[in-house]
Amino acid sequence: MIRFEQVGKVYPDGTSAVDGLTFEVGRGELVTLVGPSGCGKTTTMMMVNRLIEPTSGRILVDGEDISTIDPVRLRRRIGYVIQQVGLFPHRTVLDNTATVPALVGWKRGRARRRAEELLDLVGLDPKTYGPRYPAQLSGGQRQRVGVARALAADPPVLLMDEPFAAVDPVARERLQNEFLTLQSTVRKTVLLVTHDIEEAVRMGDRIAVYGKGRIEQYDRPGAVLGTPATPYVARFVGADRGLKRLSVTAIEPEDLEEPPIARLDEPARAVAGRLGGLGARWAVVLNAEGELHGWVAADALRGAEEHGTVGDLARRMDAWVPVGAPLKQAFSEMLQRDAGWVAVLDGARFLGVLTPAKLHEALRRSVDADARGVGRGEVPFDSVADA
């Protein structure tokens, strides 16, 4: 969708901003450009909508050389979200959102209906927020309006220059989550500039790690964290890159242990005998539909009354995560709940439990898979056992 071919930018004073950039962003892909200040990542992004003109090479959008496209027409095909949002202070939220559709000739009614749809999509009730002015919004709300405005004319490409940097950490994480949810629906081709490796890892399908005017590594987040291409990349992502990798490694069914299972209506003493034979100290308790109800201790079962059932003694299980969630979420649940394991669910259906040992194994298999260039499922469990 976006292709850079040996692109360079040299300013009149001789300063080289970027040199020899060659990479491609696939359709519907979100690529984060990350690096220190002055490394050329914002220059790269701004060359896509010709706010900055390259001095060498060429950039293609959907197969078309952008140097042959009128800059104004090009920019109306590309959404643009900046750190300070840039809303017009004298225009209402609804009119701000409808700006680009109006510029490209949409009728007023259609433009406003589209603006209302987009405000609703980013979580702002158009009836409540549409008549307001930017000064009446919080920073996070203004940022949502900026995203809605950028999407209003349904552009195939979206450029985002540190879009979440101007809000507090709590709002920032919420906005990141909301945008990822939105992206899963609209599937725009996105270039997102950030100086924060945590944000780059969390948001990007792929990451371009910049040195001085050059890309040092362009790969999936897990590969950048697990197998840095150069010493520079290793230093930039940090010595704690193993911990960062927890946030981009998803829990898969193959990572789970299968603990002893008890049903709500089973006789407590019968289950106690079964657990004793297994040497198990607890069991996961499920209902008749295979949904998680809680857990029960073997000691409690052994002390049950003759006609007692598992359901009489089951305890609530608060430490659980959905399958596909990042390992970081599971690890956080273990710490927050002071739990030795977490249950993993597919909707309401119980799949298994993730223990600290299995979490570590999953992380090591993920690193090994990236190093070999294969899928994680192709890495045998014993490949990490002796590491």
Protein backbone atom coordinates (compact mmCIF):
# COMPACT_ATOMS: atom_id res chain seq x y z
CA MET A 1 0.00 0.00 0.00
CA ILE A 2 2.85 2.43 0.90
CA ARG A 3 6.28 1.78 -0.55
CA PHE A 4 9.51 3.72 0.00
CA GLU A 5 12.21 3.20 -2.64
CA GLN A 6 15.64 4.58 -1.72
CA VAL A 7 14.06 7.73 -0.31
CA GLY A 8 16.30 10.48 1.04
CA LYS A 9 15.84 14.00 2.34
CA VAL A 10 18.68 16.55 2.46
CA TYR A 11 17.91 20.12 3.54
CA PRO A 12 19.54 23.18 1.88
CA ASP A 13 22.04 23.55 4.74
CA GLY A 14 23.33 20.04 4.03
CA THR A 15 21.53 18.30 6.88
CA SER A 16 20.54 14.77 5.92
CA ALA A 17 17.24 13.88 7.61
CA VAL A 18 16.79 10.42 6.09
CA ASP A 19 18.93 8.40 3.72
CA GLY A 20 18.17 5.39 1.56
CA LEU A 21 14.81 4.43 3.09
CA THR A 22 13.40 1.31 1.47
CA PHE A 23 10.48 -0.46 3.11
CA GLU A 24 6.86 -1.32 2.48
CA VAL A 25 3.68 -1.04 4.55
CA GLY A 26 1.02 -3.57 3.63
CA ARG A 27 -2.64 -2.75 3.12
CA GLY A 28 -4.44 -2.58 6.46
CA GLU A 29 -1.17 -2.76 8.39
CA LEU A 30 -0.27 -0.51 11.33
CA VAL A 31 3.45 0.28 11.32
CA THR A 32 5.07 2.26 14.11
CA LEU A 33 8.12 4.43 13.45
CA VAL A 34 10.13 4.68 16.65
CA GLY A 35 13.39 6.30 17.57
CA PRO A 36 14.97 9.23 19.41
CA SER A 37 14.28 12.86 18.57
CA GLY A 38 15.86 13.98 15.32
CA CYS A 39 16.18 10.49 13.83
CA GLY A 40 13.97 11.20 10.81
CA LYS A 41 10.77 9.33 11.69
CA THR A 42 8.47 12.39 11.44
CA THR A 43 10.19 13.46 8.22
CA THR A 44 9.45 10.01 6.83
CA MET A 45 5.79 10.28 7.68
CA MET A 46 5.40 13.84 6.37
CA MET A 47 6.88 12.88 3.03
CA VAL A 48 3.92 10.54 2.48
CA ASN A 49 1.47 13.46 2.25
CA ARG A 50 4.09 15.76 0.71
CA LEU A 51 4.24 18.22 3.56
CA ILE A 52 7.94 17.54 3.09
CA GLU A 53 9.26 16.70 -0.37
CA PRO A 54 11.97 14.03 -0.71
CA THR A 55 15.19 14.93 -2.50
CA SER A 56 15.79 11.41 -3.83
CA GLY A 57 13.97 8.16 -4.40
CA ARG A 58 10.24 7.81 -4.69
CA ILE A 59 7.19 6.98 -2.57
CA LEU A 60 4.26 5.01 -3.92
CA VAL A 61 0.77 4.87 -2.41
CA ASP A 62 -1.40 2.10 -3.78
CA GLY A 63 1.07 1.71 -6.66
CA GLU A 64 0.98 5.39 -7.66
CA ASP A 65 4.03 7.65 -7.43
CA ILE A 66 2.89 10.47 -5.16
CA SER A 67 5.14 13.00 -6.91
CA THR A 68 2.71 12.83 -9.84
CA ILE A 69 -0.34 13.60 -7.69
CA ASP A 70 -1.50 17.12 -6.86
CA PRO A 71 -0.50 17.65 -3.18
CA VAL A 72 -3.91 19.00 -2.14
CA ARG A 73 -5.73 16.10 -3.76
CA LEU A 74 -3.26 13.67 -2.20
CA ARG A 75 -3.77 15.08 1.30
CA ARG A 76 -7.52 14.76 1.05
CA ARG A 77 -7.00 11.02 0.50
CA ILE A 78 -4.84 10.67 3.60
CA GLY A 79 -6.00 11.08 7.19
CA TYR A 80 -3.64 13.01 9.48
CA VAL A 81 -3.64 13.01 13.28
CA ILE A 82 -1.14 15.15 15.18
CA GLN A 83 -0.14 15.38 18.83
CA GLN A 84 -1.92 18.64 19.58
CA VAL A 85 -4.94 17.57 17.48
CA GLY A 86 -5.25 20.93 15.65
CA LEU A 87 -9.00 21.35 15.93
CA PHE A 88 -10.48 24.66 14.81
CA PRO A 89 -11.40 26.42 18.07
CA HIS A 90 -14.24 28.45 16.54
CA ARG A 91 -16.02 25.43 15.05
CA THR A 92 -18.16 22.87 16.84
CA VAL A 93 -17.00 19.29 17.29
CA LEU A 94 -19.43 18.14 14.61
CA ASP A 95 -18.22 20.76 12.12
CA ASN A 96 -14.59 19.95 12.92
CA THR A 97 -15.24 16.29 12.21
CA ALA A 98 -16.98 17.08 8.92
CA THR A 99 -14.12 19.29 7.67
CA VAL A 100 -12.59 16.98 5.06
CA PRO A 101 -15.86 15.63 3.62
CA ALA A 102 -16.97 19.25 3.15
CA LEU A 103 -13.68 20.12 1.43
CA VAL A 104 -13.97 17.26 -1.04
CA GLY A 105 -17.47 18.35 -2.03
CA TRP A 106 -19.84 16.28 0.05
CA LYS A 107 -23.25 17.84 0.60
CA ARG A 108 -23.67 19.32 4.07
CA GLY A 109 -26.24 16.76 5.24
CA ARG A 110 -24.14 13.81 4.15
CA ALA A 111 -20.98 15.28 5.71
CA ARG A 112 -22.73 15.85 9.04
CA ARG A 113 -24.23 12.35 9.05
CA ARG A 114 -20.77 10.92 8.44
CA ALA A 115 -19.38 13.08 11.25
CA GLU A 116 -22.06 11.78 13.62
CA GLU A 117 -21.23 8.18 12.68
CA LEU A 118 -17.54 8.73 13.34
CA LEU A 119 -18.08 10.50 16.66
CA ASP A 120 -20.20 7.57 17.77
CA LEU A 121 -17.52 5.15 16.55
CA VAL A 122 -14.83 6.81 18.72
CA GLY A 123 -17.12 6.77 21.76
CA LEU A 124 -18.47 10.32 21.75
CA ASP A 125 -22.25 10.71 21.65
CA PRO A 126 -22.83 13.14 18.74
CA LYS A 127 -25.90 14.60 20.41
CA THR A 128 -23.90 15.41 23.54
CA TYR A 129 -20.52 16.35 22.08
CA GLY A 130 -21.36 17.46 18.53
CA PRO A 131 -22.58 20.97 19.55
CA ARG A 132 -19.62 21.58 21.88
CA TYR A 133 -16.43 23.46 21.06
CA PRO A 134 -12.89 22.05 21.47
CA ALA A 135 -12.25 24.15 24.59
CA GLN A 136 -15.13 22.32 26.30
CA LEU A 137 -13.46 18.91 25.85
CA SER A 138 -10.79 17.07 27.80
CA GLY A 139 -7.48 16.27 26.13
CA GLY A 140 -8.52 12.68 25.52
CA GLN A 141 -11.84 13.76 24.03
CA ARG A 142 -10.10 16.21 21.69
CA GLN A 143 -7.79 13.42 20.58
CA ARG A 144 -10.79 11.22 19.77
CA VAL A 145 -12.28 14.03 17.70
CA GLY A 146 -8.96 14.30 15.86
CA VAL A 147 -9.09 10.61 14.99
CA ALA A 148 -12.74 10.91 13.90
CA ARG A 149 -11.90 13.90 11.69
CA ALA A 150 -9.02 12.01 10.09
CA LEU A 151 -11.33 9.10 9.25
CA ALA A 152 -14.32 11.14 8.12
CA ALA A 153 -13.73 10.96 4.36
CA ASP A 154 -12.80 7.24 4.66
CA PRO A 155 -9.16 7.62 3.57
CA PRO A 156 -7.23 4.41 2.88
CA VAL A 157 -4.12 5.79 4.63
CA LEU A 158 -3.80 7.32 8.09
CA LEU A 159 -0.74 9.19 9.36
CA MET A 160 -0.43 9.67 13.12
CA ASP A 161 2.31 11.85 14.67
CA GLU A 162 2.64 10.97 18.37
CA PRO A 163 -1.16 11.08 18.66
CA PHE A 164 -1.37 10.02 22.32
CA ALA A 165 1.63 11.85 23.75
CA ALA A 166 -0.28 14.91 25.02
CA VAL A 167 -2.57 13.06 27.44
CA ASP A 168 -2.01 11.56 30.88
CA PRO A 169 -0.82 7.91 31.16
CA VAL A 170 -4.24 6.51 32.12
CA ALA A 171 -6.03 8.26 29.26
CA ARG A 172 -3.19 7.33 26.94
CA GLU A 173 -3.56 3.61 27.56
CA ARG A 174 -7.33 3.85 27.17
CA LEU A 175 -6.97 5.73 23.87
CA GLN A 176 -4.45 3.19 22.60
CA ASN A 177 -6.86 0.36 23.40
CA GLU A 178 -9.75 2.18 21.78
CA PHE A 179 -7.75 2.90 18.64
CA LEU A 180 -6.62 -0.73 18.31
CA THR A 181 -10.26 -1.80 18.62
CA LEU A 182 -11.22 0.78 16.00
CA GLN A 183 -8.40 -0.35 13.70
CA SER A 184 -9.61 -3.94 13.90
CA THR A 185 -12.88 -2.65 12.41
CA VAL A 186 -11.76 -0.06 9.85
CA ARG A 187 -8.40 -1.67 8.86
CA LYS A 188 -6.65 1.46 7.61
CA THR A 189 -3.05 1.47 6.47
CA VAL A 190 -1.38 3.41 9.29
CA LEU A 191 2.00 5.00 9.91
CA LEU A 192 2.29 5.98 13.58
CA VAL A 193 5.26 7.99 14.83
CA THR A 194 6.33 7.60 18.45
CA HIS A 195 9.46 7.95 20.55
CA ASP A 196 8.15 5.40 23.08
CA ILE A 197 9.21 1.78 22.46
CA GLU A 198 6.42 0.54 24.77
CA GLU A 199 3.83 2.26 22.56
CA ALA A 200 5.53 1.05 19.39
CA VAL A 201 5.48 -2.55 20.60
CA ARG A 202 1.91 -2.37 21.79
CA MET A 203 0.44 -0.69 18.72
CA GLY A 204 2.41 -1.92 15.74
CA ASP A 205 1.93 -4.90 13.47
CA ARG A 206 5.51 -4.09 12.53
CA ILE A 207 8.07 -1.66 13.93
CA ALA A 208 10.67 0.45 12.13
CA VAL A 209 13.44 1.25 14.62
CA TYR A 210 15.31 4.36 13.51
CA GLY A 211 18.92 5.26 14.07
CA LYS A 212 20.19 8.52 12.63
CA GLY A 213 18.21 8.89 9.42
CA ARG A 214 18.14 5.15 8.73
CA ILE A 215 16.06 2.16 9.73
CA GLU A 216 18.12 -0.18 11.86
CA GLN A 217 15.46 -2.92 12.01
CA TYR A 218 12.05 -3.42 10.44
CA ASP A 219 10.18 -6.41 11.80
CA ARG A 220 7.38 -7.70 14.00
CA PRO A 221 7.42 -6.41 17.60
CA GLY A 222 8.28 -9.84 18.98
CA ALA A 223 11.25 -10.18 16.65
CA VAL A 224 12.58 -6.71 17.48
CA LEU A 225 12.41 -7.51 21.20
CA GLY A 226 13.57 -11.10 20.95
CA THR A 227 16.28 -10.84 18.31
CA PRO A 228 17.53 -7.24 17.92
CA ALA A 229 19.30 -6.86 14.58
CA THR A 230 22.10 -4.59 15.86
CA PRO A 231 23.65 -3.53 19.16
CA TYR A 232 21.96 -0.14 18.64
CA VAL A 233 18.51 -1.77 18.51
CA ALA A 234 19.31 -3.87 21.59
CA ARG A 235 20.27 -0.72 23.51
CA PHE A 236 17.24 1.20 22.27
CA VAL A 237 14.64 -1.41 23.19
CA GLY A 238 16.31 -1.78 26.59
CA ALA A 239 17.73 -4.48 28.81
CA ASP A 240 14.19 -5.30 29.95
CA ARG A 241 13.12 -6.25 26.43
CA GLY A 242 12.21 -9.71 27.74
CA LEU A 243 9.58 -8.12 29.97
CA LYS A 244 8.37 -5.93 27.10
CA ARG A 245 7.98 -9.04 25.00
CA LEU A 246 5.35 -10.31 27.44
CA SER A 247 3.03 -7.63 26.05
CA VAL A 248 3.27 -8.91 22.45
CA THR A 249 3.21 -12.66 23.07
CA ALA A 250 -0.32 -14.01 23.04
CA ILE A 251 -1.56 -16.90 25.15
CA GLU A 252 -2.25 -19.92 22.97
CA PRO A 253 -4.11 -23.13 23.93
CA GLU A 254 -0.84 -25.09 23.54
CA ASP A 255 0.63 -23.08 26.42
CA LEU A 256 -1.87 -24.38 28.97
CA GLU A 257 -1.89 -27.12 31.55
CA GLU A 258 -4.93 -29.31 32.06
CA PRO A 259 -5.65 -29.41 35.81
CA PRO A 260 -8.04 -31.80 37.56
CA ILE A 261 -11.67 -30.89 36.81
CA ALA A 262 -14.65 -31.16 39.14
CA ARG A 263 -18.30 -30.53 38.31
CA LEU A 264 -20.62 -28.54 40.53
CA ASP A 265 -22.98 -31.43 41.22
CA GLU A 266 -20.35 -34.12 41.86
CA PRO A 267 -20.17 -35.65 45.36
CA ALA A 268 -17.43 -33.87 47.30
CA ARG A 269 -15.92 -37.02 48.82
CA ALA A 270 -15.75 -38.79 45.46
CA VAL A 271 -13.79 -35.90 44.00
CA ALA A 272 -11.57 -35.82 47.09
CA GLY A 273 -10.67 -39.47 46.45
CA ARG A 274 -9.91 -38.75 42.81
CA LEU A 275 -7.66 -35.82 43.69
CA GLY A 276 -5.91 -37.93 46.31
CA GLY A 277 -5.10 -40.53 43.70
CA LEU A 278 -3.62 -37.83 41.47
CA GLY A 279 -1.72 -36.18 44.30
CA ALA A 280 -3.52 -32.94 43.48
CA ARG A 281 -4.28 -30.23 46.05
CA TRP A 282 -7.06 -28.50 44.12
CA ALA A 283 -9.38 -28.76 41.15
CA VAL A 284 -11.01 -26.31 38.76
CA VAL A 285 -14.80 -26.32 39.13
CA LEU A 286 -16.96 -26.13 36.00
CA ASN A 287 -20.70 -26.05 35.47
CA ALA A 288 -22.59 -28.45 33.21
CA GLU A 289 -21.79 -26.30 30.12
CA GLY A 290 -18.03 -26.42 30.74
CA GLU A 291 -17.91 -22.83 31.95
CA LEU A 292 -15.64 -21.73 34.77
CA HIS A 293 -17.35 -21.57 38.16
CA GLY A 294 -14.33 -21.42 40.47
CA TRP A 295 -11.97 -23.80 42.23
CA VAL A 296 -11.97 -26.09 45.24
CA ALA A 297 -9.26 -27.31 47.62
CA ALA A 298 -8.77 -31.04 48.17
CA ASP A 299 -8.65 -30.49 51.96
CA ALA A 300 -12.08 -28.87 51.89
CA LEU A 301 -13.50 -31.78 49.91
CA ARG A 302 -12.14 -34.35 52.34
CA GLY A 303 -13.85 -32.58 55.21
CA ALA A 304 -17.21 -32.38 53.48
CA GLU A 305 -20.41 -33.87 54.82
CA GLU A 306 -21.46 -37.22 53.40
CA HIS A 307 -24.00 -35.77 51.00
CA GLY A 308 -22.10 -32.58 50.23
CA THR A 309 -21.34 -31.56 46.64
CA VAL A 310 -18.47 -29.74 45.04
CA GLY A 311 -20.75 -26.75 44.53
CA ASP A 312 -21.17 -26.39 48.29
CA LEU A 313 -17.43 -25.83 48.72
CA ALA A 314 -16.33 -24.15 45.49
CA ARG A 315 -14.64 -20.78 45.74
CA ARG A 316 -14.76 -17.93 43.26
CA MET A 317 -11.88 -17.75 40.76
CA ASP A 318 -10.91 -14.14 40.09
CA ALA A 319 -7.59 -14.79 38.33
CA TRP A 320 -8.55 -15.44 34.70
CA VAL A 321 -7.75 -14.09 31.24
CA PRO A 322 -9.12 -14.73 27.73
CA VAL A 323 -7.18 -16.90 25.30
CA GLY A 324 -5.19 -14.64 22.97
CA ALA A 325 -4.52 -12.11 25.71
CA PRO A 326 -0.86 -11.11 26.12
CA LEU A 327 1.30 -12.98 28.61
CA LYS A 328 1.78 -9.65 30.39
CA GLN A 329 -1.92 -9.61 31.30
CA ALA A 330 -1.69 -13.11 32.76
CA PHE A 331 1.43 -12.22 34.71
CA SER A 332 -0.26 -9.10 36.07
CA GLU A 333 -3.25 -11.19 37.20
CA MET A 334 -0.95 -13.60 39.02
CA LEU A 335 0.73 -10.75 40.87
CA GLN A 336 -2.44 -8.79 41.60
CA ARG A 337 -4.40 -11.82 42.82
CA ASP A 338 -1.39 -13.45 44.53
CA ALA A 339 -2.23 -16.55 42.48
CA GLY A 340 0.00 -19.43 41.41
CA TRP A 341 -1.91 -19.81 38.14
CA VAL A 342 -4.60 -18.16 36.06
CA ALA A 343 -7.54 -19.74 34.29
CA VAL A 344 -7.74 -19.18 30.53
CA LEU A 345 -11.16 -18.89 28.89
CA ASP A 346 -12.55 -18.90 25.38
CA GLY A 347 -15.60 -16.73 25.97
CA ALA A 348 -17.04 -18.45 29.04
CA ARG A 349 -15.61 -21.88 28.17
CA PHE A 350 -12.68 -23.07 30.27
CA LEU A 351 -9.57 -24.12 28.29
CA GLY A 352 -6.90 -24.70 30.93
CA VAL A 353 -4.57 -22.88 33.29
CA LEU A 354 -1.40 -20.92 32.74
CA THR A 355 1.28 -21.37 35.40
CA PRO A 356 4.51 -19.38 35.83
CA ALA A 357 6.49 -22.28 34.35
CA LYS A 358 4.21 -22.45 31.31
CA LEU A 359 4.33 -18.66 30.92
CA HIS A 360 8.13 -18.80 30.81
CA GLU A 361 8.01 -21.67 28.34
CA ALA A 362 5.62 -19.80 26.07
CA LEU A 363 7.90 -16.76 26.08
CA ARG A 364 10.98 -18.83 25.26
CA ARG A 365 9.18 -20.67 22.45
CA SER A 366 8.12 -17.32 21.01
CA VAL A 367 11.72 -16.04 21.02
CA ASP A 368 12.93 -19.31 19.49
CA ALA A 369 10.26 -19.14 16.77
CA ASP A 370 11.32 -15.64 15.74
CA ALA A 371 14.98 -16.64 15.71
CA ARG A 372 14.19 -19.57 13.39
CA GLY A 373 11.71 -17.64 11.28
CA VAL A 374 8.91 -20.15 11.90
CA GLY A 375 5.54 -20.11 13.60
CA ARG A 376 5.43 -20.58 17.35
CA GLY A 377 3.47 -23.80 16.94
CA GLU A 378 6.39 -25.28 14.96
CA VAL A 379 8.79 -24.98 17.90
CA PRO A 380 8.81 -28.17 19.99
CA PHE A 381 8.45 -27.82 23.73
CA ASP A 382 11.76 -29.53 24.39
CA SER A 383 13.60 -26.86 22.40
CA VAL A 384 13.46 -24.56 25.40
CA ALA A 385 13.62 -27.12 28.18
CA ASP A 386 17.43 -27.24 28.24
CA ALA A 387 18.06 -23.60 27.35
